[in-house]
Amino acid sequence: QVQLVESGGGLVQAGGSLRLSCAASGRTFDDYAMGWFRQAPGKEREFVAAVSAQNVNSYYADSVKGRFACSRDDAKNTVYLQMNNLKPEDTAVYYCNAPVGYYNDNFAPGTYWGQGTQVTVSS
């Protein structure tokens, strides 16, 4: 059983910052990529960011590149999404995601999901 639990969402003013956390349990954590997706009302769920095993590389959607940073702390089985310079367009439910191994080149969603955490950015 794999469990992913997100935290850290909330309401923030445009230009502000939030850090999301995703605590993982139920499987080996260190050897697999982890990622973040988001879904805004009326929109499809989309890829946001991912980090490779051992924190070697991170990857970002063009819409958040330069503003968000994805990282992991393997000692805590936790992946983070640091969100800076937030915009109203970032308002969405953010979901932690775990693939079996790696994401494909288009970062299609992996097998395991968290319950999501709401991020609301006011203008």
PDB file of N, CA and C in Angstrom:
ATOM      1  N   GLN A   1       0.841  -1.174   0.000  1.00  0.00           N
ATOM      2  CA  GLN A   1       0.000   0.000   0.000  1.00  0.00           C
ATOM      3  C   GLN A   1       0.888   1.240   0.000  1.00  0.00           C
ATOM      4  N   VAL A   2       0.693   2.095  -0.999  1.00  0.00           N
ATOM      5  CA  VAL A   2       1.420   3.349  -1.107  1.00  0.00           C
ATOM      6  C   VAL A   2       0.483   4.478  -0.713  1.00  0.00           C
ATOM      7  N   GLN A   3       0.946   5.321   0.187  1.00  0.00           N
ATOM      8  CA  GLN A   3       0.163   6.463   0.629  1.00  0.00           C
ATOM      9  C   GLN A   3       0.960   7.743   0.433  1.00  0.00           C
ATOM     10  N   LEU A   4       0.298   8.746  -0.110  1.00  0.00           N
ATOM     11  CA  LEU A   4       0.881  10.062  -0.314  1.00  0.00           C
ATOM     12  C   LEU A   4      -0.023  11.079   0.356  1.00  0.00           C
ATOM     13  N   VAL A   5       0.545  11.909   1.201  1.00  0.00           N
ATOM     14  CA  VAL A   5      -0.228  12.883   1.958  1.00  0.00           C
ATOM     15  C   VAL A   5       0.370  14.262   1.742  1.00  0.00           C
ATOM     16  N   GLU A   6      -0.408  15.146   1.111  1.00  0.00           N
ATOM     17  CA  GLU A   6       0.039  16.506   0.849  1.00  0.00           C
ATOM     18  C   GLU A   6      -0.329  17.429   2.006  1.00  0.00           C
ATOM     19  N   SER A   7       0.446  18.480   2.141  1.00  0.00           N
ATOM     20  CA  SER A   7       0.139  19.532   3.091  1.00  0.00           C
ATOM     21  C   SER A   7       0.791  20.822   2.620  1.00  0.00           C
ATOM     22  N   GLY A   8       0.383  21.932   3.207  1.00  0.00           N
ATOM     23  CA  GLY A   8       1.017  23.205   2.934  1.00  0.00           C
ATOM     24  C   GLY A   8       0.230  24.161   2.068  1.00  0.00           C
ATOM     25  N   GLY A   9      -0.903  23.734   1.547  1.00  0.00           N
ATOM     26  CA  GLY A   9      -1.716  24.627   0.737  1.00  0.00           C
ATOM     27  C   GLY A   9      -2.378  25.692   1.581  1.00  0.00           C
ATOM     28  N   GLY A  10      -2.960  26.657   0.899  1.00  0.00           N
ATOM     29  CA  GLY A  10      -3.635  27.736   1.591  1.00  0.00           C
ATOM     30  C   GLY A  10      -3.919  28.892   0.670  1.00  0.00           C
ATOM     31  N   LEU A  11      -4.239  30.010   1.277  1.00  0.00           N
ATOM     32  CA  LEU A  11      -4.552  31.246   0.562  1.00  0.00           C
ATOM     33  C   LEU A  11      -3.369  32.185   0.657  1.00  0.00           C
ATOM     34  N   VAL A  12      -2.953  32.703  -0.479  1.00  0.00           N
ATOM     35  CA  VAL A  12      -1.816  33.609  -0.516  1.00  0.00           C
ATOM     36  C   VAL A  12      -2.077  34.697  -1.542  1.00  0.00           C
ATOM     37  N   GLN A  13      -1.519  35.863  -1.296  1.00  0.00           N
ATOM     38  CA  GLN A  13      -1.649  36.971  -2.231  1.00  0.00           C
ATOM     39  C   GLN A  13      -0.678  36.803  -3.390  1.00  0.00           C
ATOM     40  N   ALA A  14      -1.056  37.307  -4.541  1.00  0.00           N
ATOM     41  CA  ALA A  14      -0.173  37.255  -5.698  1.00  0.00           C
ATOM     42  C   ALA A  14       1.199  37.822  -5.350  1.00  0.00           C
ATOM     43  N   GLY A  15       2.228  37.127  -5.799  1.00  0.00           N
ATOM     44  CA  GLY A  15       3.591  37.501  -5.473  1.00  0.00           C
ATOM     45  C   GLY A  15       4.147  36.805  -4.254  1.00  0.00           C
ATOM     46  N   GLY A  16       3.296  36.154  -3.495  1.00  0.00           N
ATOM     47  CA  GLY A  16       3.725  35.454  -2.306  1.00  0.00           C
ATOM     48  C   GLY A  16       4.235  34.063  -2.597  1.00  0.00           C
ATOM     49  N   SER A  17       4.528  33.335  -1.521  1.00  0.00           N
ATOM     50  CA  SER A  17       5.126  32.014  -1.632  1.00  0.00           C
ATOM     51  C   SER A  17       4.426  31.010  -0.736  1.00  0.00           C
ATOM     52  N   LEU A  18       4.459  29.763  -1.158  1.00  0.00           N
ATOM     53  CA  LEU A  18       4.015  28.637  -0.354  1.00  0.00           C
ATOM     54  C   LEU A  18       4.950  27.469  -0.598  1.00  0.00           C
ATOM     55  N   ARG A  19       5.067  26.604   0.377  1.00  0.00           N
ATOM     56  CA  ARG A  19       5.796  25.362   0.193  1.00  0.00           C
ATOM     57  C   ARG A  19       4.879  24.191   0.488  1.00  0.00           C
ATOM     58  N   LEU A  20       4.666  23.360  -0.517  1.00  0.00           N
ATOM     59  CA  LEU A  20       3.883  22.149  -0.359  1.00  0.00           C
ATOM     60  C   LEU A  20       4.797  20.988   0.006  1.00  0.00           C
ATOM     61  N   SER A  21       4.272  20.092   0.813  1.00  0.00           N
ATOM     62  CA  SER A  21       4.997  18.894   1.196  1.00  0.00           C
ATOM     63  C   SER A  21       4.159  17.670   0.869  1.00  0.00           C
ATOM     64  N   CYS A  22       4.822  16.595   0.522  1.00  0.00           N
ATOM     65  CA  CYS A  22       4.163  15.321   0.280  1.00  0.00           C
ATOM     66  C   CYS A  22       4.954  14.241   0.989  1.00  0.00           C
ATOM     67  N   ALA A  23       4.345  13.648   1.986  1.00  0.00           N
ATOM     68  CA  ALA A  23       4.964  12.569   2.739  1.00  0.00           C
ATOM     69  C   ALA A  23       4.522  11.233   2.163  1.00  0.00           C
ATOM     70  N   ALA A  24       5.481  10.395   1.833  1.00  0.00           N
ATOM     71  CA  ALA A  24       5.209   9.113   1.202  1.00  0.00           C
ATOM     72  C   ALA A  24       5.494   7.962   2.159  1.00  0.00           C
ATOM     73  N   SER A  25       4.688   6.920   2.043  1.00  0.00           N
ATOM     74  CA  SER A  25       4.912   5.709   2.814  1.00  0.00           C
ATOM     75  C   SER A  25       4.407   4.513   2.023  1.00  0.00           C
ATOM     76  N   GLY A  26       4.839   3.335   2.405  1.00  0.00           N
ATOM     77  CA  GLY A  26       4.318   2.112   1.811  1.00  0.00           C
ATOM     78  C   GLY A  26       5.157   1.509   0.705  1.00  0.00           C
ATOM     79  N   ARG A  27       6.216   2.174   0.302  1.00  0.00           N
ATOM     80  CA  ARG A  27       7.119   1.625  -0.690  1.00  0.00           C
ATOM     81  C   ARG A  27       8.487   2.257  -0.540  1.00  0.00           C
ATOM     82  N   THR A  28       9.450   1.674  -1.238  1.00  0.00           N
ATOM     83  CA  THR A  28      10.768   2.285  -1.284  1.00  0.00           C
ATOM     84  C   THR A  28      10.671   3.654  -1.934  1.00  0.00           C
ATOM     85  N   PHE A  29      11.202   4.653  -1.271  1.00  0.00           N
ATOM     86  CA  PHE A  29      11.074   6.021  -1.734  1.00  0.00           C
ATOM     87  C   PHE A  29      12.268   6.473  -2.557  1.00  0.00           C
ATOM     88  N   ASP A  30      13.451   6.114  -2.131  1.00  0.00           N
ATOM     89  CA  ASP A  30      14.665   6.706  -2.683  1.00  0.00           C
ATOM     90  C   ASP A  30      14.874   6.443  -4.167  1.00  0.00           C
ATOM     91  N   ASP A  31      14.389   5.322  -4.679  1.00  0.00           N
ATOM     92  CA  ASP A  31      14.740   4.881  -6.025  1.00  0.00           C
ATOM     93  C   ASP A  31      13.789   5.351  -7.111  1.00  0.00           C
ATOM     94  N   TYR A  32      12.810   6.162  -6.782  1.00  0.00           N
ATOM     95  CA  TYR A  32      11.777   6.523  -7.744  1.00  0.00           C
ATOM     96  C   TYR A  32      11.592   8.021  -7.837  1.00  0.00           C
ATOM     97  N   ALA A  33      11.192   8.452  -9.034  1.00  0.00           N
ATOM     98  CA  ALA A  33      10.820   9.838  -9.229  1.00  0.00           C
ATOM     99  C   ALA A  33       9.530  10.161  -8.471  1.00  0.00           C
ATOM    100  N   MET A  34       9.351  11.432  -8.166  1.00  0.00           N
ATOM    101  CA  MET A  34       8.126  11.935  -7.561  1.00  0.00           C
ATOM    102  C   MET A  34       7.738  13.216  -8.279  1.00  0.00           C
ATOM    103  N   GLY A  35       6.449  13.524  -8.287  1.00  0.00           N
ATOM    104  CA  GLY A  35       6.015  14.697  -9.018  1.00  0.00           C
ATOM    105  C   GLY A  35       4.799  15.371  -8.427  1.00  0.00           C
ATOM    106  N   TRP A  36       4.479  16.509  -9.019  1.00  0.00           N
ATOM    107  CA  TRP A  36       3.327  17.302  -8.647  1.00  0.00           C
ATOM    108  C   TRP A  36       2.494  17.609  -9.880  1.00  0.00           C
ATOM    109  N   PHE A  37       1.192  17.482  -9.732  1.00  0.00           N
ATOM    110  CA  PHE A  37       0.222  17.881 -10.740  1.00  0.00           C
ATOM    111  C   PHE A  37      -0.773  18.832 -10.098  1.00  0.00           C
ATOM    112  N   ARG A  38      -1.511  19.549 -10.920  1.00  0.00           N
ATOM    113  CA  ARG A  38      -2.534  20.429 -10.391  1.00  0.00           C
ATOM    114  C   ARG A  38      -3.750  20.419 -11.301  1.00  0.00           C
ATOM    115  N   GLN A  39      -4.885  20.767 -10.717  1.00  0.00           N
ATOM    116  CA  GLN A  39      -6.127  20.822 -11.469  1.00  0.00           C
ATOM    117  C   GLN A  39      -6.938  22.027 -11.006  1.00  0.00           C
ATOM    118  N   ALA A  40      -7.171  22.944 -11.930  1.00  0.00           N
ATOM    119  CA  ALA A  40      -7.996  24.103 -11.679  1.00  0.00           C
ATOM    120  C   ALA A  40      -9.435  23.801 -12.082  1.00  0.00           C
ATOM    121  N   PRO A  41     -10.403  24.534 -11.545  1.00  0.00           N
ATOM    122  CA  PRO A  41     -11.798  24.303 -11.917  1.00  0.00           C
ATOM    123  C   PRO A  41     -12.007  24.391 -13.423  1.00  0.00           C
ATOM    124  N   GLY A  42     -12.649  23.394 -13.987  1.00  0.00           N
ATOM    125  CA  GLY A  42     -12.923  23.371 -15.409  1.00  0.00           C
ATOM    126  C   GLY A  42     -11.748  23.011 -16.282  1.00  0.00           C
ATOM    127  N   LYS A  43     -10.628  22.679 -15.694  1.00  0.00           N
ATOM    128  CA  LYS A  43      -9.425  22.344 -16.438  1.00  0.00           C
ATOM    129  C   LYS A  43      -9.024  20.893 -16.204  1.00  0.00           C
ATOM    130  N   GLU A  44      -8.260  20.373 -17.146  1.00  0.00           N
ATOM    131  CA  GLU A  44      -7.693  19.044 -16.968  1.00  0.00           C
ATOM    132  C   GLU A  44      -6.521  19.097 -15.997  1.00  0.00           C
ATOM    133  N   ARG A  45      -6.284  17.982 -15.353  1.00  0.00           N
ATOM    134  CA  ARG A  45      -5.130  17.897 -14.480  1.00  0.00           C
ATOM    135  C   ARG A  45      -3.853  17.980 -15.315  1.00  0.00           C
ATOM    136  N   GLU A  46      -2.913  18.792 -14.865  1.00  0.00           N
ATOM    137  CA  GLU A  46      -1.713  19.030 -15.638  1.00  0.00           C
ATOM    138  C   GLU A  46      -0.457  18.839 -14.797  1.00  0.00           C
ATOM    139  N   PHE A  47       0.598  18.485 -15.481  1.00  0.00           N
ATOM    140  CA  PHE A  47       1.889  18.337 -14.849  1.00  0.00           C
ATOM    141  C   PHE A  47       2.425  19.680 -14.397  1.00  0.00           C
ATOM    142  N   VAL A  48       3.039  19.702 -13.223  1.00  0.00           N
ATOM    143  CA  VAL A  48       3.644  20.912 -12.691  1.00  0.00           C
ATOM    144  C   VAL A  48       5.151  20.764 -12.558  1.00  0.00           C
ATOM    145  N   ALA A  49       5.581  19.746 -11.836  1.00  0.00           N
ATOM    146  CA  ALA A  49       7.001  19.586 -11.547  1.00  0.00           C
ATOM    147  C   ALA A  49       7.281  18.157 -11.123  1.00  0.00           C
ATOM    148  N   ALA A  50       8.531  17.758 -11.240  1.00  0.00           N
ATOM    149  CA  ALA A  50       8.952  16.443 -10.790  1.00  0.00           C
ATOM    150  C   ALA A  50      10.410  16.493 -10.381  1.00  0.00           C
ATOM    151  N   VAL A  51      10.800  15.539  -9.569  1.00  0.00           N
ATOM    152  CA  VAL A  51      12.186  15.400  -9.156  1.00  0.00           C
ATOM    153  C   VAL A  51      12.582  13.942  -9.318  1.00  0.00           C
ATOM    154  N   SER A  52      13.775  13.719  -9.797  1.00  0.00           N
ATOM    155  CA  SER A  52      14.245  12.365 -10.047  1.00  0.00           C
ATOM    156  C   SER A  52      14.699  11.698  -8.760  1.00  0.00           C
ATOM    157  N   ALA A  53      14.933  10.408  -8.863  1.00  0.00           N
ATOM    158  CA  ALA A  53      15.522   9.683  -7.747  1.00  0.00           C
ATOM    159  C   ALA A  53      16.837  10.330  -7.334  1.00  0.00           C
ATOM    160  N   GLN A  54      17.075  10.342  -6.052  1.00  0.00           N
ATOM    161  CA  GLN A  54      18.296  10.890  -5.466  1.00  0.00           C
ATOM    162  C   GLN A  54      18.474  12.385  -5.719  1.00  0.00           C
ATOM    163  N   ASN A  55      17.402  13.054  -6.102  1.00  0.00           N
ATOM    164  CA  ASN A  55      17.427  14.508  -6.252  1.00  0.00           C
ATOM    165  C   ASN A  55      18.424  14.980  -7.299  1.00  0.00           C
ATOM    166  N   VAL A  56      18.668  14.133  -8.300  1.00  0.00           N
ATOM    167  CA  VAL A  56      19.655  14.465  -9.311  1.00  0.00           C
ATOM    168  C   VAL A  56      19.169  15.578 -10.232  1.00  0.00           C
ATOM    169  N   ASN A  57      17.917  15.494 -10.665  1.00  0.00           N
ATOM    170  CA  ASN A  57      17.353  16.470 -11.591  1.00  0.00           C
ATOM    171  C   ASN A  57      15.943  16.831 -11.187  1.00  0.00           C
ATOM    172  N   SER A  58      15.530  18.018 -11.577  1.00  0.00           N
ATOM    173  CA  SER A  58      14.147  18.436 -11.424  1.00  0.00           C
ATOM    174  C   SER A  58      13.623  18.937 -12.759  1.00  0.00           C
ATOM    175  N   TYR A  59      12.313  18.885 -12.930  1.00  0.00           N
ATOM    176  CA  TYR A  59      11.666  19.186 -14.201  1.00  0.00           C
ATOM    177  C   TYR A  59      10.428  20.017 -13.933  1.00  0.00           C
ATOM    178  N   TYR A  60      10.111  20.920 -14.879  1.00  0.00           N
ATOM    179  CA  TYR A  60       9.035  21.864 -14.636  1.00  0.00           C
ATOM    180  C   TYR A  60       8.230  22.136 -15.892  1.00  0.00           C
ATOM    181  N   ALA A  61       6.941  22.336 -15.697  1.00  0.00           N
ATOM    182  CA  ALA A  61       6.114  22.851 -16.766  1.00  0.00           C
ATOM    183  C   ALA A  61       6.563  24.263 -17.106  1.00  0.00           C
ATOM    184  N   ASP A  62       6.399  24.637 -18.370  1.00  0.00           N
ATOM    185  CA  ASP A  62       6.824  25.969 -18.794  1.00  0.00           C
ATOM    186  C   ASP A  62       6.139  27.073 -17.992  1.00  0.00           C
ATOM    187  N   SER A  63       4.917  26.839 -17.577  1.00  0.00           N
ATOM    188  CA  SER A  63       4.153  27.862 -16.886  1.00  0.00           C
ATOM    189  C   SER A  63       4.697  28.198 -15.498  1.00  0.00           C
ATOM    190  N   VAL A  64       5.487  27.304 -14.923  1.00  0.00           N
ATOM    191  CA  VAL A  64       6.009  27.533 -13.577  1.00  0.00           C
ATOM    192  C   VAL A  64       7.523  27.610 -13.537  1.00  0.00           C
ATOM    193  N   LYS A  65       8.174  27.376 -14.647  1.00  0.00           N
ATOM    194  CA  LYS A  65       9.633  27.357 -14.697  1.00  0.00           C
ATOM    195  C   LYS A  65      10.196  28.698 -14.240  1.00  0.00           C
ATOM    196  N   GLY A  66      11.161  28.632 -13.349  1.00  0.00           N
ATOM    197  CA  GLY A  66      11.756  29.832 -12.798  1.00  0.00           C
ATOM    198  C   GLY A  66      11.076  30.345 -11.550  1.00  0.00           C
ATOM    199  N   ARG A  67       9.885  29.844 -11.246  1.00  0.00           N
ATOM    200  CA  ARG A  67       9.158  30.276 -10.058  1.00  0.00           C
ATOM    201  C   ARG A  67       9.019  29.167  -9.021  1.00  0.00           C
ATOM    202  N   PHE A  68       8.895  27.935  -9.481  1.00  0.00           N
ATOM    203  CA  PHE A  68       8.710  26.792  -8.594  1.00  0.00           C
ATOM    204  C   PHE A  68       9.981  25.969  -8.532  1.00  0.00           C
ATOM    205  N   ALA A  69      10.179  25.287  -7.421  1.00  0.00           N
ATOM    206  CA  ALA A  69      11.306  24.382  -7.256  1.00  0.00           C
ATOM    207  C   ALA A  69      10.834  23.105  -6.574  1.00  0.00           C
ATOM    208  N   CYS A  70      11.149  21.983  -7.186  1.00  0.00           N
ATOM    209  CA  CYS A  70      10.772  20.680  -6.655  1.00  0.00           C
ATOM    210  C   CYS A  70      12.016  19.982  -6.133  1.00  0.00           C
ATOM    211  N   SER A  71      11.923  19.445  -4.938  1.00  0.00           N
ATOM    212  CA  SER A  71      13.058  18.766  -4.342  1.00  0.00           C
ATOM    213  C   SER A  71      12.557  17.661  -3.423  1.00  0.00           C
ATOM    214  N   ARG A  72      13.483  16.879  -2.922  1.00  0.00           N
ATOM    215  CA  ARG A  72      13.095  15.786  -2.039  1.00  0.00           C
ATOM    216  C   ARG A  72      14.087  15.641  -0.899  1.00  0.00           C
ATOM    217  N   ASP A  73      13.585  15.137   0.203  1.00  0.00           N
ATOM    218  CA  ASP A  73      14.398  14.799   1.358  1.00  0.00           C
ATOM    219  C   ASP A  73      14.171  13.321   1.617  1.00  0.00           C
ATOM    220  N   ASP A  74      15.075  12.492   1.135  1.00  0.00           N
ATOM    221  CA  ASP A  74      14.875  11.045   1.221  1.00  0.00           C
ATOM    222  C   ASP A  74      14.911  10.537   2.655  1.00  0.00           C
ATOM    223  N   ALA A  75      15.627  11.219   3.528  1.00  0.00           N
ATOM    224  CA  ALA A  75      15.656  10.823   4.928  1.00  0.00           C
ATOM    225  C   ALA A  75      14.282  10.951   5.575  1.00  0.00           C
ATOM    226  N   LYS A  76      13.459  11.853   5.048  1.00  0.00           N
ATOM    227  CA  LYS A  76      12.114  12.066   5.568  1.00  0.00           C
ATOM    228  C   LYS A  76      11.026  11.495   4.668  1.00  0.00           C
ATOM    229  N   ASN A  77      11.406  10.837   3.584  1.00  0.00           N
ATOM    230  CA  ASN A  77      10.440  10.310   2.612  1.00  0.00           C
ATOM    231  C   ASN A  77       9.460  11.388   2.166  1.00  0.00           C
ATOM    232  N   THR A  78       9.982  12.559   1.884  1.00  0.00           N
ATOM    233  CA  THR A  78       9.143  13.708   1.591  1.00  0.00           C
ATOM    234  C   THR A  78       9.626  14.433   0.343  1.00  0.00           C
ATOM    235  N   VAL A  79       8.680  14.834  -0.494  1.00  0.00           N
ATOM    236  CA  VAL A  79       8.973  15.670  -1.642  1.00  0.00           C
ATOM    237  C   VAL A  79       8.321  17.030  -1.422  1.00  0.00           C
ATOM    238  N   TYR A  80       8.985  18.084  -1.886  1.00  0.00           N
ATOM    239  CA  TYR A  80       8.528  19.440  -1.668  1.00  0.00           C
ATOM    240  C   TYR A  80       8.283  20.148  -2.990  1.00  0.00           C
ATOM    241  N   LEU A  81       7.387  21.104  -2.949  1.00  0.00           N
ATOM    242  CA  LEU A  81       7.210  22.025  -4.052  1.00  0.00           C
ATOM    243  C   LEU A  81       7.234  23.433  -3.487  1.00  0.00           C
ATOM    244  N   GLN A  82       8.347  24.112  -3.678  1.00  0.00           N
ATOM    245  CA  GLN A  82       8.468  25.498  -3.275  1.00  0.00           C
ATOM    246  C   GLN A  82       7.905  26.366  -4.386  1.00  0.00           C
ATOM    247  N   MET A  83       6.907  27.160  -4.066  1.00  0.00           N
ATOM    248  CA  MET A  83       6.222  27.985  -5.046  1.00  0.00           C
ATOM    249  C   MET A  83       6.453  29.447  -4.693  1.00  0.00           C
ATOM    250  N   ASN A  84       7.143  30.143  -5.570  1.00  0.00           N
ATOM    251  CA  ASN A  84       7.447  31.553  -5.375  1.00  0.00           C
ATOM    252  C   ASN A  84       6.770  32.396  -6.445  1.00  0.00           C
ATOM    253  N   ASN A  85       6.628  33.673  -6.140  1.00  0.00           N
ATOM    254  CA  ASN A  85       6.011  34.607  -7.085  1.00  0.00           C
ATOM    255  C   ASN A  85       4.705  34.047  -7.637  1.00  0.00           C
ATOM    256  N   LEU A  86       3.851  33.627  -6.742  1.00  0.00           N
ATOM    257  CA  LEU A  86       2.605  32.992  -7.144  1.00  0.00           C
ATOM    258  C   LEU A  86       1.695  33.962  -7.880  1.00  0.00           C
ATOM    259  N   LYS A  87       0.970  33.408  -8.838  1.00  0.00           N
ATOM    260  CA  LYS A  87       0.040  34.164  -9.657  1.00  0.00           C
ATOM    261  C   LYS A  87      -1.364  33.597  -9.490  1.00  0.00           C
ATOM    262  N   PRO A  88      -2.395  34.403  -9.748  1.00  0.00           N
ATOM    263  CA  PRO A  88      -3.757  33.857  -9.683  1.00  0.00           C
ATOM    264  C   PRO A  88      -3.954  32.634 -10.569  1.00  0.00           C
ATOM    265  N   GLU A  89      -3.238  32.557 -11.678  1.00  0.00           N
ATOM    266  CA  GLU A  89      -3.329  31.407 -12.565  1.00  0.00           C
ATOM    267  C   GLU A  89      -2.829  30.118 -11.928  1.00  0.00           C
ATOM    268  N   ASP A  90      -2.110  30.229 -10.829  1.00  0.00           N
ATOM    269  CA  ASP A  90      -1.633  29.051 -10.116  1.00  0.00           C
ATOM    270  C   ASP A  90      -2.690  28.442  -9.207  1.00  0.00           C
ATOM    271  N   THR A  91      -3.813  29.098  -9.052  1.00  0.00           N
ATOM    272  CA  THR A  91      -4.878  28.587  -8.201  1.00  0.00           C
ATOM    273  C   THR A  91      -5.365  27.235  -8.714  1.00  0.00           C
ATOM    274  N   ALA A  92      -5.313  26.234  -7.854  1.00  0.00           N
ATOM    275  CA  ALA A  92      -5.676  24.872  -8.240  1.00  0.00           C
ATOM    276  C   ALA A  92      -5.564  23.969  -7.024  1.00  0.00           C
ATOM    277  N   VAL A  93      -6.057  22.765  -7.176  1.00  0.00           N
ATOM    278  CA  VAL A  93      -5.749  21.702  -6.230  1.00  0.00           C
ATOM    279  C   VAL A  93      -4.471  21.038  -6.703  1.00  0.00           C
ATOM    280  N   TYR A  94      -3.513  20.933  -5.821  1.00  0.00           N
ATOM    281  CA  TYR A  94      -2.216  20.359  -6.148  1.00  0.00           C
ATOM    282  C   TYR A  94      -2.132  18.941  -5.597  1.00  0.00           C
ATOM    283  N   TYR A  95      -1.714  18.023  -6.450  1.00  0.00           N
ATOM    284  CA  TYR A  95      -1.655  16.611  -6.111  1.00  0.00           C
ATOM    285  C   TYR A  95      -0.233  16.084  -6.194  1.00  0.00           C
ATOM    286  N   CYS A  96       0.164  15.378  -5.182  1.00  0.00           N
ATOM    287  CA  CYS A  96       1.406  14.630  -5.215  1.00  0.00           C
ATOM    288  C   CYS A  96       1.199  13.358  -6.028  1.00  0.00           C
ATOM    289  N   ASN A  97       2.223  12.945  -6.759  1.00  0.00           N
ATOM    290  CA  ASN A  97       2.092  11.797  -7.650  1.00  0.00           C
ATOM    291  C   ASN A  97       3.372  10.977  -7.643  1.00  0.00           C
ATOM    292  N   ALA A  98       3.215   9.670  -7.699  1.00  0.00           N
ATOM    293  CA  ALA A  98       4.350   8.756  -7.716  1.00  0.00           C
ATOM    294  C   ALA A  98       4.204   7.767  -8.864  1.00  0.00           C
ATOM    295  N   PRO A  99       5.123   7.770  -9.808  1.00  0.00           N
ATOM    296  CA  PRO A  99       5.117   6.763 -10.858  1.00  0.00           C
ATOM    297  C   PRO A  99       5.790   5.487 -10.388  1.00  0.00           C
ATOM    298  N   VAL A 100       5.689   4.451 -11.195  1.00  0.00           N
ATOM    299  CA  VAL A 100       6.477   3.251 -10.977  1.00  0.00           C
ATOM    300  C   VAL A 100       7.778   3.449 -11.736  1.00  0.00           C
ATOM    301  N   GLY A 101       8.764   3.961 -11.067  1.00  0.00           N
ATOM    302  CA  GLY A 101      10.048   4.236 -11.679  1.00  0.00           C
ATOM    303  C   GLY A 101      10.157   5.668 -12.169  1.00  0.00           C
ATOM    304  N   TYR A 102       9.881   5.867 -13.459  1.00  0.00           N
ATOM    305  CA  TYR A 102      10.074   7.158 -14.089  1.00  0.00           C
ATOM    306  C   TYR A 102       8.816   7.656 -14.785  1.00  0.00           C
ATOM    307  N   TYR A 103       8.733   8.967 -14.963  1.00  0.00           N
ATOM    308  CA  TYR A 103       7.750   9.551 -15.852  1.00  0.00           C
ATOM    309  C   TYR A 103       8.224   9.411 -17.293  1.00  0.00           C
ATOM    310  N   ASN A 104       7.261   9.403 -18.223  1.00  0.00           N
ATOM    311  CA  ASN A 104       7.648   9.436 -19.626  1.00  0.00           C
ATOM    312  C   ASN A 104       8.056  10.858 -20.007  1.00  0.00           C
ATOM    313  N   ASP A 105       8.373  11.055 -21.292  1.00  0.00           N
ATOM    314  CA  ASP A 105       8.890  12.348 -21.728  1.00  0.00           C
ATOM    315  C   ASP A 105       7.879  13.483 -21.587  1.00  0.00           C
ATOM    316  N   ASN A 106       6.608  13.153 -21.569  1.00  0.00           N
ATOM    317  CA  ASN A 106       5.556  14.147 -21.404  1.00  0.00           C
ATOM    318  C   ASN A 106       5.014  14.214 -19.977  1.00  0.00           C
ATOM    319  N   PHE A 107       5.616  13.492 -19.086  1.00  0.00           N
ATOM    320  CA  PHE A 107       5.246  13.467 -17.672  1.00  0.00           C
ATOM    321  C   PHE A 107       3.773  13.110 -17.476  1.00  0.00           C
ATOM    322  N   ALA A 108       3.376  12.030 -18.131  1.00  0.00           N
ATOM    323  CA  ALA A 108       2.049  11.493 -17.883  1.00  0.00           C
ATOM    324  C   ALA A 108       1.954  11.030 -16.432  1.00  0.00           C
ATOM    325  N   PRO A 109       0.777  11.142 -15.824  1.00  0.00           N
ATOM    326  CA  PRO A 109       0.649  10.807 -14.405  1.00  0.00           C
ATOM    327  C   PRO A 109       1.058   9.379 -14.086  1.00  0.00           C
ATOM    328  N   GLY A 110       1.652   9.201 -12.933  1.00  0.00           N
ATOM    329  CA  GLY A 110       2.018   7.898 -12.441  1.00  0.00           C
ATOM    330  C   GLY A 110       0.896   7.226 -11.692  1.00  0.00           C
ATOM    331  N   THR A 111       1.206   6.127 -11.077  1.00  0.00           N
ATOM    332  CA  THR A 111       0.201   5.244 -10.510  1.00  0.00           C
ATOM    333  C   THR A 111      -0.459   5.782  -9.250  1.00  0.00           C
ATOM    334  N   TYR A 112       0.313   6.405  -8.392  1.00  0.00           N
ATOM    335  CA  TYR A 112      -0.164   6.740  -7.059  1.00  0.00           C
ATOM    336  C   TYR A 112      -0.403   8.225  -6.890  1.00  0.00           C
ATOM    337  N   TRP A 113      -1.491   8.550  -6.177  1.00  0.00           N
ATOM    338  CA  TRP A 113      -1.907   9.931  -5.957  1.00  0.00           C
ATOM    339  C   TRP A 113      -2.152  10.227  -4.488  1.00  0.00           C
ATOM    340  N   GLY A 114      -1.861  11.462  -4.104  1.00  0.00           N
ATOM    341  CA  GLY A 114      -2.342  11.966  -2.836  1.00  0.00           C
ATOM    342  C   GLY A 114      -3.746  12.516  -2.974  1.00  0.00           C
ATOM    343  N   GLN A 115      -4.295  13.009  -1.876  1.00  0.00           N
ATOM    344  CA  GLN A 115      -5.663  13.524  -1.870  1.00  0.00           C
ATOM    345  C   GLN A 115      -5.772  14.950  -2.392  1.00  0.00           C
ATOM    346  N   GLY A 116      -4.671  15.652  -2.461  1.00  0.00           N
ATOM    347  CA  GLY A 116      -4.668  17.006  -2.964  1.00  0.00           C
ATOM    348  C   GLY A 116      -4.707  18.043  -1.861  1.00  0.00           C
ATOM    349  N   THR A 117      -4.144  19.202  -2.156  1.00  0.00           N
ATOM    350  CA  THR A 117      -4.194  20.333  -1.248  1.00  0.00           C
ATOM    351  C   THR A 117      -4.498  21.590  -2.055  1.00  0.00           C
ATOM    352  N   GLN A 118      -5.407  22.405  -1.552  1.00  0.00           N
ATOM    353  CA  GLN A 118      -5.876  23.576  -2.283  1.00  0.00           C
ATOM    354  C   GLN A 118      -4.897  24.728  -2.146  1.00  0.00           C
ATOM    355  N   VAL A 119      -4.557  25.315  -3.274  1.00  0.00           N
ATOM    356  CA  VAL A 119      -3.770  26.543  -3.316  1.00  0.00           C
ATOM    357  C   VAL A 119      -4.614  27.613  -3.996  1.00  0.00           C
ATOM    358  N   THR A 120      -4.834  28.710  -3.306  1.00  0.00           N
ATOM    359  CA  THR A 120      -5.609  29.812  -3.849  1.00  0.00           C
ATOM    360  C   THR A 120      -4.761  31.076  -3.806  1.00  0.00           C
ATOM    361  N   VAL A 121      -4.612  31.707  -4.951  1.00  0.00           N
ATOM    362  CA  VAL A 121      -3.806  32.915  -5.072  1.00  0.00           C
ATOM    363  C   VAL A 121      -4.719  34.068  -5.438  1.00  0.00           C
ATOM    364  N   SER A 122      -4.771  35.061  -4.588  1.00  0.00           N
ATOM    365  CA  SER A 122      -5.616  36.219  -4.825  1.00  0.00           C
ATOM    366  C   SER A 122      -4.832  37.314  -5.527  1.00  0.00           C
ATOM    367  N   SER A 123      -5.528  38.112  -6.318  1.00  0.00           N
ATOM    368  CA  SER A 123      -4.896  39.198  -7.043  1.00  0.00           C
ATOM    369  C   SER A 123      -4.950  40.487  -6.260  1.00  0.00           C
TER     370      SER A 123
END
